[in-house]
Amino acid sequence: MLIDKKLSKIVEITNSELKGEDLSFNKISTDTRTLKKGDLFLALKGENFDGHDFIEKAIAKGANSIVSERELNYEISYIKTKNNHIFLKKLAKQIRKNFKGTIFAITGSNGKTSTKEISFLILSHIFGEKKIFKSPKNWNNELGLYFSLLELKPDHDLAIFEIGTNFPGEIGNLSKFLKPHHGLITNIGSSHLEFLKNLDGVANEKSELFNYVGKEGCCLARVDNKYKKILLKKAKEKNLMFLKKGNKSIYDLNFEASFKIIESALSLEISKIKKIKLKDKVKKIVKVPGRMERKIGPNNTTIIDDSYNANPDSFFAAFEEISKFNFKNKICVMGKMGELGINSSRLHDAVISKSLIHFDHIFCVDIESKISNEKIKYISKNEVQNQIKIFFGIDTLILFKASRSVKMETVIKVA
């Protein structure tokens, strides 16, 4: 962390109150399941939980201090705050101020996490892994950004963050807070339409990133021509570059975007031969859980786990990838796509119709549609295992894909 790990220093930064003796701590934790001895436990409140209810458990597990909105009667040092979310925000803001390295920010409808992972590996190969930071997992919302910043270390020279959105204005708020030097938009697609209304709304929201990229920074995007005017306006007087969409694999697209932004931002010159070797090396390493993750299931069945999230464009991209595989039975187990608003029925129908081209059997889990075909079965989540087990075997490939809310990974575990 880029601040002294002492309670007195934290209190000074956050304008909070120290109760008890000054102590040093190892790490700030909000989860008693992963908390370790010597950690500072931050009692955050969520929609369905209140961290204050776990303070006793945190102490029992070895937390040496607590951040609390309530007065505590335990024999332990703690920081008293008015609001723990504001406490965290102030802390993250100071850490961002203290970080003197170069920051890359990635957003887009699809491919944020994969592109981040690829970018991290490219930079690690060039400069050494210890000098490169990447935001953990898919921590791309407000809290995710704050906690990611807490992970920065003095050795880091370059940092890569992904930022996401659910509501209008979120990309702008996160970008303004992060102040990235360079920005990348992977694509503009049909995601979060419930709140962003249409693709123009998505383009306006995602392109807010370029508003907050540094004046000397690089802005890179792969978008349809009709959205270029929006991005040109947001990236005014900055180095804006566009990549062609093309008929390439998901990995090729993400690698190309990663390499181009790094090459341009850092003025690197790498030969084509070295680039090809690096591309092959990175491809063997990159694995994002729940993102086109290849697994072996019962009876040597090939399972493609793309269960982390879904929107129409990511479904279509997954279908194109599946079309390159040669299997006797290709099966799609698809669940609902969330946050599509009034477009939901139409977009689900579009995905189902497209799936007929690529699969021998399609199982639509808890989806309602009027599309009828001998390949399609509309089933409930608890019926999946019985429906697909007759196809298990070395000649079968099964794609599992749905929005996060469906928790399709629980189906894959029993497949």
Protein backbone atom coordinates (compact mmCIF):
# COMPACT_ATOMS: atom_id res chain seq x y z
CA MET A 1 0.00 0.00 0.00
CA LEU A 2 1.30 3.47 -0.85
CA ILE A 3 0.76 4.91 2.65
CA ASP A 4 2.15 4.02 6.05
CA LYS A 5 0.19 1.13 7.54
CA LYS A 6 -0.35 2.84 10.86
CA LEU A 7 -3.70 3.72 12.37
CA SER A 8 -2.58 7.26 13.12
CA LYS A 9 -1.70 7.85 9.47
CA ILE A 10 -5.05 6.43 8.30
CA VAL A 11 -6.91 8.66 10.76
CA GLU A 12 -5.01 11.72 9.51
CA ILE A 13 -5.87 10.97 5.85
CA THR A 14 -9.53 10.19 6.44
CA ASN A 15 -10.29 12.77 9.14
CA SER A 16 -11.44 9.99 11.47
CA GLU A 17 -10.94 9.38 15.19
CA LEU A 18 -8.53 6.86 16.73
CA LYS A 19 -9.82 5.03 19.78
CA GLY A 20 -7.05 3.22 21.64
CA GLU A 21 -3.34 2.90 20.97
CA ASP A 22 -1.65 3.48 17.63
CA LEU A 23 -0.83 0.24 15.82
CA SER A 24 0.60 -1.00 12.57
CA PHE A 25 -1.50 -3.39 10.47
CA ASN A 26 -0.82 -5.79 7.62
CA LYS A 27 -3.75 -5.25 5.27
CA ILE A 28 -7.25 -3.78 5.14
CA SER A 29 -9.86 -6.53 5.01
CA THR A 30 -13.66 -6.50 4.65
CA ASP A 31 -14.15 -10.27 4.61
CA THR A 32 -13.69 -12.39 7.73
CA ARG A 33 -13.33 -15.48 5.52
CA THR A 34 -10.01 -14.24 4.14
CA LEU A 35 -8.94 -11.98 7.02
CA LYS A 36 -5.55 -12.81 8.56
CA LYS A 37 -3.91 -12.07 11.86
CA GLY A 38 -2.76 -8.46 12.08
CA ASP A 39 -5.25 -7.14 9.51
CA LEU A 40 -7.39 -4.02 9.90
CA PHE A 41 -11.06 -4.99 9.54
CA LEU A 42 -13.23 -2.45 7.70
CA ALA A 43 -16.90 -2.96 8.59
CA LEU A 44 -18.61 -2.04 5.34
CA LYS A 45 -22.36 -2.02 4.82
CA GLY A 46 -23.90 -3.56 1.70
CA GLU A 47 -27.42 -4.05 0.41
CA ASN A 48 -27.71 -7.47 2.04
CA PHE A 49 -25.14 -7.34 4.84
CA ASP A 50 -23.57 -5.15 7.48
CA GLY A 51 -19.91 -5.65 8.26
CA HIS A 52 -20.51 -4.45 11.81
CA ASP A 53 -22.25 -7.77 12.46
CA PHE A 54 -18.94 -9.55 11.86
CA ILE A 55 -16.69 -7.50 14.10
CA GLU A 56 -16.55 -10.15 16.83
CA LYS A 57 -15.63 -12.80 14.27
CA ALA A 58 -12.92 -10.52 12.84
CA ILE A 59 -11.42 -10.06 16.29
CA ALA A 60 -11.55 -13.80 16.92
CA LYS A 61 -9.66 -14.42 13.66
CA GLY A 62 -6.87 -12.05 14.67
CA ALA A 63 -7.78 -8.58 13.43
CA ASN A 64 -5.70 -6.17 15.50
CA SER A 65 -7.94 -3.16 14.82
CA ILE A 66 -11.33 -2.20 13.39
CA VAL A 67 -12.83 0.61 11.30
CA SER A 68 -16.34 1.18 12.59
CA GLU A 69 -19.19 3.67 12.30
CA ARG A 70 -20.34 2.57 15.77
CA GLU A 71 -18.82 3.00 19.19
CA LEU A 72 -17.17 -0.28 20.25
CA ASN A 73 -16.72 -1.77 23.70
CA TYR A 74 -14.12 -4.38 22.82
CA GLU A 75 -10.57 -4.22 24.16
CA ILE A 76 -9.12 -3.39 20.79
CA SER A 77 -7.93 -0.27 19.01
CA TYR A 78 -10.34 1.03 16.42
CA ILE A 79 -10.99 3.93 14.07
CA LYS A 80 -14.34 5.64 14.53
CA THR A 81 -15.85 7.11 11.35
CA LYS A 82 -19.10 8.77 10.31
CA ASN A 83 -19.28 6.70 7.12
CA ASN A 84 -17.02 3.78 6.20
CA HIS A 85 -17.60 4.18 2.45
CA ILE A 86 -16.38 7.77 2.61
CA PHE A 87 -13.46 6.58 4.75
CA LEU A 88 -12.50 4.10 2.01
CA LYS A 89 -12.91 6.70 -0.74
CA LYS A 90 -10.63 9.18 1.03
CA LEU A 91 -8.02 6.49 1.54
CA ALA A 92 -8.13 5.42 -2.11
CA LYS A 93 -7.94 9.05 -3.25
CA GLN A 94 -4.75 9.61 -1.25
CA ILE A 95 -3.20 6.44 -2.64
CA ARG A 96 -4.00 7.53 -6.20
CA LYS A 97 -2.35 10.86 -5.41
CA ASN A 98 0.73 9.05 -4.11
CA PHE A 99 1.08 6.80 -7.18
CA LYS A 100 3.54 8.36 -9.63
CA GLY A 101 3.47 5.62 -12.25
CA THR A 102 1.55 5.29 -15.51
CA ILE A 103 -2.07 4.15 -15.49
CA PHE A 104 -3.98 2.39 -18.27
CA ALA A 105 -7.78 2.14 -17.99
CA ILE A 106 -9.86 -0.35 -19.97
CA THR A 107 -13.61 -0.33 -20.52
CA GLY A 108 -16.04 -1.71 -23.10
CA SER A 109 -19.08 -3.94 -23.42
CA ASN A 110 -17.04 -7.13 -23.68
CA GLY A 111 -13.47 -8.26 -23.15
CA LYS A 112 -12.39 -5.89 -20.38
CA THR A 113 -10.95 -8.54 -18.09
CA SER A 114 -9.33 -10.57 -20.87
CA THR A 115 -7.72 -7.46 -22.36
CA LYS A 116 -6.47 -6.42 -18.93
CA GLU A 117 -4.91 -9.85 -18.37
CA ILE A 118 -3.25 -9.80 -21.80
CA SER A 119 -1.95 -6.26 -21.26
CA PHE A 120 -0.52 -7.27 -17.88
CA LEU A 121 1.35 -10.20 -19.41
CA ILE A 122 2.73 -8.12 -22.28
CA LEU A 123 3.99 -5.43 -19.91
CA SER A 124 5.35 -8.04 -17.49
CA HIS A 125 7.34 -9.64 -20.31
CA ILE A 126 8.83 -6.28 -21.30
CA PHE A 127 9.46 -4.67 -17.91
CA GLY A 128 9.24 -7.49 -15.37
CA GLU A 129 6.19 -8.65 -13.42
CA LYS A 130 7.08 -6.90 -10.17
CA LYS A 131 6.79 -3.48 -11.82
CA ILE A 132 3.30 -4.08 -13.23
CA PHE A 133 -0.02 -3.91 -11.37
CA LYS A 134 -3.42 -5.08 -12.54
CA SER A 135 -6.73 -4.60 -10.76
CA PRO A 136 -7.72 -7.96 -9.26
CA LYS A 137 -10.40 -10.20 -10.78
CA ASN A 138 -13.14 -8.03 -12.28
CA TRP A 139 -13.08 -5.30 -9.65
CA ASN A 140 -14.46 -2.66 -12.01
CA ASN A 141 -17.14 -0.82 -10.01
CA GLU A 142 -16.71 1.98 -7.45
CA LEU A 143 -15.75 -0.23 -4.51
CA GLY A 144 -13.66 -2.42 -6.79
CA LEU A 145 -11.66 0.61 -7.90
CA TYR A 146 -11.07 1.76 -4.33
CA PHE A 147 -9.90 -1.66 -3.20
CA SER A 148 -7.74 -2.05 -6.30
CA LEU A 149 -5.94 1.19 -5.52
CA LEU A 150 -5.25 -0.11 -2.01
CA GLU A 151 -3.29 -2.95 -3.61
CA LEU A 152 -0.74 -0.67 -5.29
CA LYS A 153 2.83 -1.02 -4.03
CA PRO A 154 5.94 1.18 -4.22
CA ASP A 155 7.55 -1.19 -6.77
CA HIS A 156 4.75 -0.67 -9.32
CA ASP A 157 5.63 1.57 -12.27
CA LEU A 158 2.69 0.70 -14.51
CA ALA A 159 -0.90 -0.10 -13.50
CA ILE A 160 -3.84 -1.46 -15.49
CA PHE A 161 -7.41 -1.01 -14.29
CA GLU A 162 -10.68 -2.12 -15.80
CA ILE A 163 -13.74 0.02 -15.19
CA GLY A 164 -17.36 -0.92 -15.78
CA THR A 165 -20.81 0.57 -15.58
CA ASN A 166 -24.39 -0.24 -14.68
CA PHE A 167 -25.81 3.27 -14.69
CA PRO A 168 -25.28 6.46 -16.72
CA GLY A 169 -22.42 8.53 -15.34
CA GLU A 170 -20.55 5.68 -13.67
CA ILE A 171 -17.71 5.52 -16.21
CA GLY A 172 -17.23 9.27 -15.92
CA ASN A 173 -17.16 9.18 -12.12
CA LEU A 174 -14.69 6.29 -12.00
CA SER A 175 -12.47 7.81 -14.70
CA LYS A 176 -12.45 11.19 -12.98
CA PHE A 177 -11.37 9.51 -9.74
CA LEU A 178 -8.72 7.29 -11.38
CA LYS A 179 -7.26 9.94 -13.72
CA PRO A 180 -5.74 7.44 -16.17
CA HIS A 181 -2.92 8.42 -18.49
CA HIS A 182 -4.20 6.20 -21.33
CA GLY A 183 -7.56 4.64 -22.16
CA LEU A 184 -8.85 1.71 -24.19
CA ILE A 185 -12.43 0.90 -25.22
CA THR A 186 -12.67 -2.72 -26.34
CA ASN A 187 -16.05 -2.31 -28.11
CA ILE A 188 -19.54 -0.83 -27.98
CA GLY A 189 -22.19 -3.51 -27.58
CA SER A 190 -25.64 -4.34 -26.25
CA SER A 191 -24.92 -4.28 -22.54
CA HIS A 192 -26.75 -2.51 -19.69
CA LEU A 193 -29.48 -1.35 -22.09
CA GLU A 194 -31.98 -1.29 -19.24
CA PHE A 195 -30.34 1.90 -18.00
CA LEU A 196 -28.34 3.11 -21.02
CA LYS A 197 -31.40 2.72 -23.30
CA ASN A 198 -29.64 2.05 -26.64
CA LEU A 199 -26.25 1.67 -28.29
CA ASP A 200 -25.82 5.43 -28.56
CA GLY A 201 -26.27 5.53 -24.79
CA VAL A 202 -23.62 2.81 -24.41
CA ALA A 203 -21.22 4.74 -26.68
CA ASN A 204 -21.76 7.97 -24.73
CA GLU A 205 -21.22 6.19 -21.42
CA LYS A 206 -18.12 4.19 -22.38
CA SER A 207 -16.47 7.13 -24.16
CA GLU A 208 -16.58 9.20 -20.95
CA LEU A 209 -13.29 7.43 -20.19
CA PHE A 210 -11.58 9.54 -22.86
CA ASN A 211 -12.77 12.76 -21.20
CA TYR A 212 -10.49 11.99 -18.26
CA VAL A 213 -7.44 10.55 -20.01
CA GLY A 214 -4.41 12.81 -19.59
CA LYS A 215 -3.83 15.50 -22.21
CA GLU A 216 -0.75 13.74 -23.56
CA GLY A 217 -2.40 10.34 -23.35
CA CYS A 218 -3.41 7.77 -25.93
CA CYS A 219 -7.04 6.80 -26.53
CA LEU A 220 -7.72 3.60 -28.45
CA ALA A 221 -11.04 2.06 -29.47
CA ARG A 222 -12.54 -0.60 -31.70
CA VAL A 223 -16.01 0.67 -32.63
CA ASP A 224 -18.38 0.96 -35.58
CA ASN A 225 -18.00 4.05 -37.74
CA LYS A 226 -21.28 5.52 -36.51
CA TYR A 227 -19.83 5.97 -32.99
CA LYS A 228 -16.55 7.57 -34.02
CA LYS A 229 -17.93 11.13 -33.83
CA ILE A 230 -18.90 10.59 -30.20
CA LEU A 231 -15.42 9.35 -29.35
CA LEU A 232 -13.71 12.12 -31.31
CA LYS A 233 -15.59 14.69 -29.27
CA LYS A 234 -14.67 13.04 -25.95
CA ALA A 235 -11.00 12.59 -26.90
CA LYS A 236 -10.53 16.11 -28.29
CA GLU A 237 -6.87 17.16 -28.55
CA LYS A 238 -5.71 13.69 -27.48
CA ASN A 239 -4.04 10.95 -29.47
CA LEU A 240 -7.10 8.97 -30.60
CA MET A 241 -6.66 5.77 -32.60
CA PHE A 242 -9.23 3.37 -34.04
CA LEU A 243 -8.80 -0.33 -34.71
CA LYS A 244 -10.68 -2.17 -37.43
CA LYS A 245 -13.21 -4.76 -36.29
CA GLY A 246 -12.31 -7.51 -38.77
CA ASN A 247 -13.06 -11.20 -38.67
CA LYS A 248 -10.63 -12.22 -35.97
CA SER A 249 -10.81 -14.43 -32.90
CA ILE A 250 -11.61 -12.90 -29.53
CA TYR A 251 -8.04 -13.44 -28.39
CA ASP A 252 -6.57 -11.86 -31.54
CA LEU A 253 -8.77 -8.78 -31.10
CA ASN A 254 -7.86 -8.38 -27.44
CA PHE A 255 -4.16 -8.93 -28.04
CA GLU A 256 -4.12 -6.43 -30.91
CA ALA A 257 -5.83 -3.79 -28.76
CA SER A 258 -3.53 -4.43 -25.79
CA PHE A 259 -0.39 -4.34 -27.85
CA LYS A 260 -1.38 -1.22 -29.79
CA ILE A 261 -2.19 0.88 -26.73
CA ILE A 262 1.00 -0.22 -24.96
CA GLU A 263 3.13 0.33 -28.06
CA SER A 264 1.69 3.80 -28.70
CA ALA A 265 1.57 4.99 -25.09
CA LEU A 266 5.11 3.90 -24.23
CA SER A 267 6.69 4.53 -27.67
CA LEU A 268 7.86 0.94 -27.99
CA GLU A 269 9.29 -0.66 -31.10
CA ILE A 270 9.05 -4.45 -31.15
CA SER A 271 9.77 -6.53 -34.23
CA LYS A 272 7.03 -8.59 -35.88
CA ILE A 273 8.86 -11.81 -35.00
CA LYS A 274 9.07 -10.90 -31.31
CA LYS A 275 5.44 -9.83 -31.37
CA ILE A 276 4.34 -13.18 -32.81
CA LYS A 277 6.35 -15.09 -30.21
CA LEU A 278 4.95 -12.93 -27.42
CA LYS A 279 1.42 -13.41 -28.71
CA ASP A 280 1.78 -17.21 -28.70
CA LYS A 281 3.34 -17.18 -25.24
CA VAL A 282 0.60 -14.98 -23.76
CA LYS A 283 -2.14 -17.09 -25.33
CA LYS A 284 -0.92 -20.16 -23.45
CA ILE A 285 -1.00 -18.30 -20.14
CA VAL A 286 -4.18 -16.21 -20.32
CA LYS A 287 -7.05 -17.86 -18.50
CA VAL A 288 -9.95 -15.85 -17.13
CA PRO A 289 -12.37 -17.92 -15.00
CA GLY A 290 -15.78 -18.14 -16.62
CA ARG A 291 -14.60 -16.51 -19.86
CA MET A 292 -14.39 -19.12 -22.63
CA GLU A 293 -12.60 -21.36 -20.15
CA ARG A 294 -12.04 -24.86 -21.54
CA LYS A 295 -12.60 -27.75 -19.12
CA ILE A 296 -12.97 -31.52 -19.25
CA GLY A 297 -16.30 -32.82 -17.99
CA PRO A 298 -17.83 -36.30 -17.46
CA ASN A 299 -16.74 -38.96 -19.97
CA ASN A 300 -14.16 -36.55 -21.42
CA THR A 301 -16.81 -34.10 -22.54
CA THR A 302 -15.36 -30.73 -23.58
CA ILE A 303 -16.98 -27.94 -21.58
CA ILE A 304 -16.60 -24.28 -22.49
CA ASP A 305 -17.33 -22.26 -19.38
CA ASP A 306 -18.37 -18.77 -20.45
CA SER A 307 -20.68 -18.41 -17.49
CA TYR A 308 -19.34 -15.27 -15.88
CA ASN A 309 -21.52 -12.83 -17.80
CA ALA A 310 -23.39 -12.34 -21.04
CA ASN A 311 -24.91 -9.90 -23.48
CA PRO A 312 -25.88 -10.42 -27.14
CA ASP A 313 -22.47 -9.43 -28.53
CA SER A 314 -20.57 -11.73 -26.20
CA PHE A 315 -22.95 -14.57 -27.13
CA PHE A 316 -22.31 -13.98 -30.84
CA ALA A 317 -18.55 -13.83 -30.26
CA ALA A 318 -18.69 -17.10 -28.31
CA PHE A 319 -20.68 -18.73 -31.13
CA GLU A 320 -18.02 -17.71 -33.64
CA GLU A 321 -15.33 -19.27 -31.47
CA ILE A 322 -17.33 -22.49 -31.12
CA SER A 323 -17.74 -22.69 -34.90
CA LYS A 324 -13.99 -23.32 -35.17
CA PHE A 325 -14.21 -26.53 -33.13
CA ASN A 326 -14.96 -29.88 -34.74
CA PHE A 327 -17.27 -32.05 -32.58
CA LYS A 328 -20.01 -34.53 -33.37
CA ASN A 329 -22.35 -32.88 -30.86
CA LYS A 330 -22.26 -29.16 -30.15
CA ILE A 331 -24.59 -28.14 -27.34
CA CYS A 332 -25.44 -24.70 -25.99
CA VAL A 333 -26.82 -24.27 -22.48
CA MET A 334 -27.87 -20.64 -22.35
CA GLY A 335 -29.38 -18.63 -19.54
CA LYS A 336 -30.93 -15.20 -19.39
CA MET A 337 -29.12 -11.98 -20.17
CA GLY A 338 -29.74 -9.26 -17.62
CA GLU A 339 -30.17 -5.48 -17.80
CA LEU A 340 -31.58 -5.37 -21.34
CA GLY A 341 -34.75 -3.52 -20.41
CA ILE A 342 -37.49 -3.28 -23.05
CA ASN A 343 -35.13 -4.87 -25.58
CA SER A 344 -34.90 -8.10 -23.58
CA SER A 345 -37.33 -10.32 -25.55
CA ARG A 346 -36.07 -9.15 -28.94
CA LEU A 347 -32.40 -9.65 -28.05
CA HIS A 348 -32.99 -13.06 -26.47
CA ASP A 349 -34.78 -14.13 -29.65
CA ALA A 350 -31.86 -12.88 -31.72
CA VAL A 351 -29.39 -14.94 -29.71
CA ILE A 352 -31.56 -18.07 -29.85
CA SER A 353 -32.00 -17.70 -33.63
CA LYS A 354 -28.25 -17.30 -34.12
CA SER A 355 -27.50 -20.34 -31.98
CA LEU A 356 -29.39 -22.56 -34.43
CA ILE A 357 -26.61 -22.03 -36.97
CA HIS A 358 -23.83 -23.24 -34.66
CA PHE A 359 -25.31 -25.93 -32.40
CA ASP A 360 -26.98 -29.33 -32.69
CA HIS A 361 -28.91 -28.89 -29.45
CA ILE A 362 -29.87 -25.72 -27.57
CA PHE A 363 -31.17 -25.72 -24.00
CA CYS A 364 -32.73 -22.41 -23.00
CA VAL A 365 -32.69 -22.22 -19.21
CA ASP A 366 -35.59 -20.28 -17.68
CA ILE A 367 -35.98 -18.27 -20.89
CA GLU A 368 -39.29 -17.47 -22.52
CA SER A 369 -39.42 -17.24 -26.32
CA LYS A 370 -41.80 -18.04 -29.16
CA ILE A 371 -39.01 -19.41 -31.32
CA SER A 372 -39.67 -23.08 -32.03
CA ASN A 373 -37.26 -25.58 -33.53
CA GLU A 374 -36.49 -29.27 -33.05
CA LYS A 375 -33.03 -28.30 -31.79
CA ILE A 376 -34.41 -26.14 -28.97
CA LYS A 377 -35.67 -27.16 -25.54
CA TYR A 378 -36.94 -24.71 -22.95
CA ILE A 379 -36.09 -26.07 -19.51
CA SER A 380 -35.60 -24.98 -15.91
CA LYS A 381 -32.23 -24.76 -14.20
CA ASN A 382 -32.75 -27.95 -12.18
CA GLU A 383 -33.45 -29.92 -15.37
CA VAL A 384 -30.14 -29.17 -17.08
CA GLN A 385 -28.13 -32.13 -15.80
CA ASN A 386 -30.72 -34.75 -16.81
CA GLN A 387 -31.16 -33.18 -20.22
CA ILE A 388 -27.49 -33.03 -21.19
CA LYS A 389 -26.03 -36.14 -19.54
CA ILE A 390 -27.11 -38.39 -22.44
CA PHE A 391 -24.69 -36.47 -24.68
CA PHE A 392 -21.63 -36.76 -22.41
CA GLY A 393 -18.65 -38.14 -24.31
CA ILE A 394 -15.41 -37.30 -26.07
CA ASP A 395 -17.28 -36.19 -29.21
CA THR A 396 -19.37 -33.59 -27.38
CA LEU A 397 -18.75 -29.91 -26.69
CA ILE A 398 -21.06 -27.98 -24.35
CA LEU A 399 -21.08 -24.21 -24.06
CA PHE A 400 -22.48 -22.77 -20.81
CA LYS A 401 -23.27 -19.07 -20.95
CA ALA A 402 -25.55 -16.63 -19.10
CA SER A 403 -25.52 -13.37 -17.18
CA ARG A 404 -23.92 -13.37 -13.75
CA SER A 405 -27.28 -13.32 -11.96
CA VAL A 406 -28.13 -16.78 -13.33
CA LYS A 407 -25.15 -18.37 -11.52
CA MET A 408 -24.63 -20.83 -14.33
CA GLU A 409 -21.40 -21.97 -12.69
CA THR A 410 -23.50 -23.93 -10.21
CA VAL A 411 -24.94 -25.92 -13.13
CA ILE A 412 -21.47 -26.60 -14.55
CA LYS A 413 -20.32 -28.07 -11.24
CA VAL A 414 -22.90 -30.84 -11.44
CA ALA A 415 -22.61 -31.40 -15.18
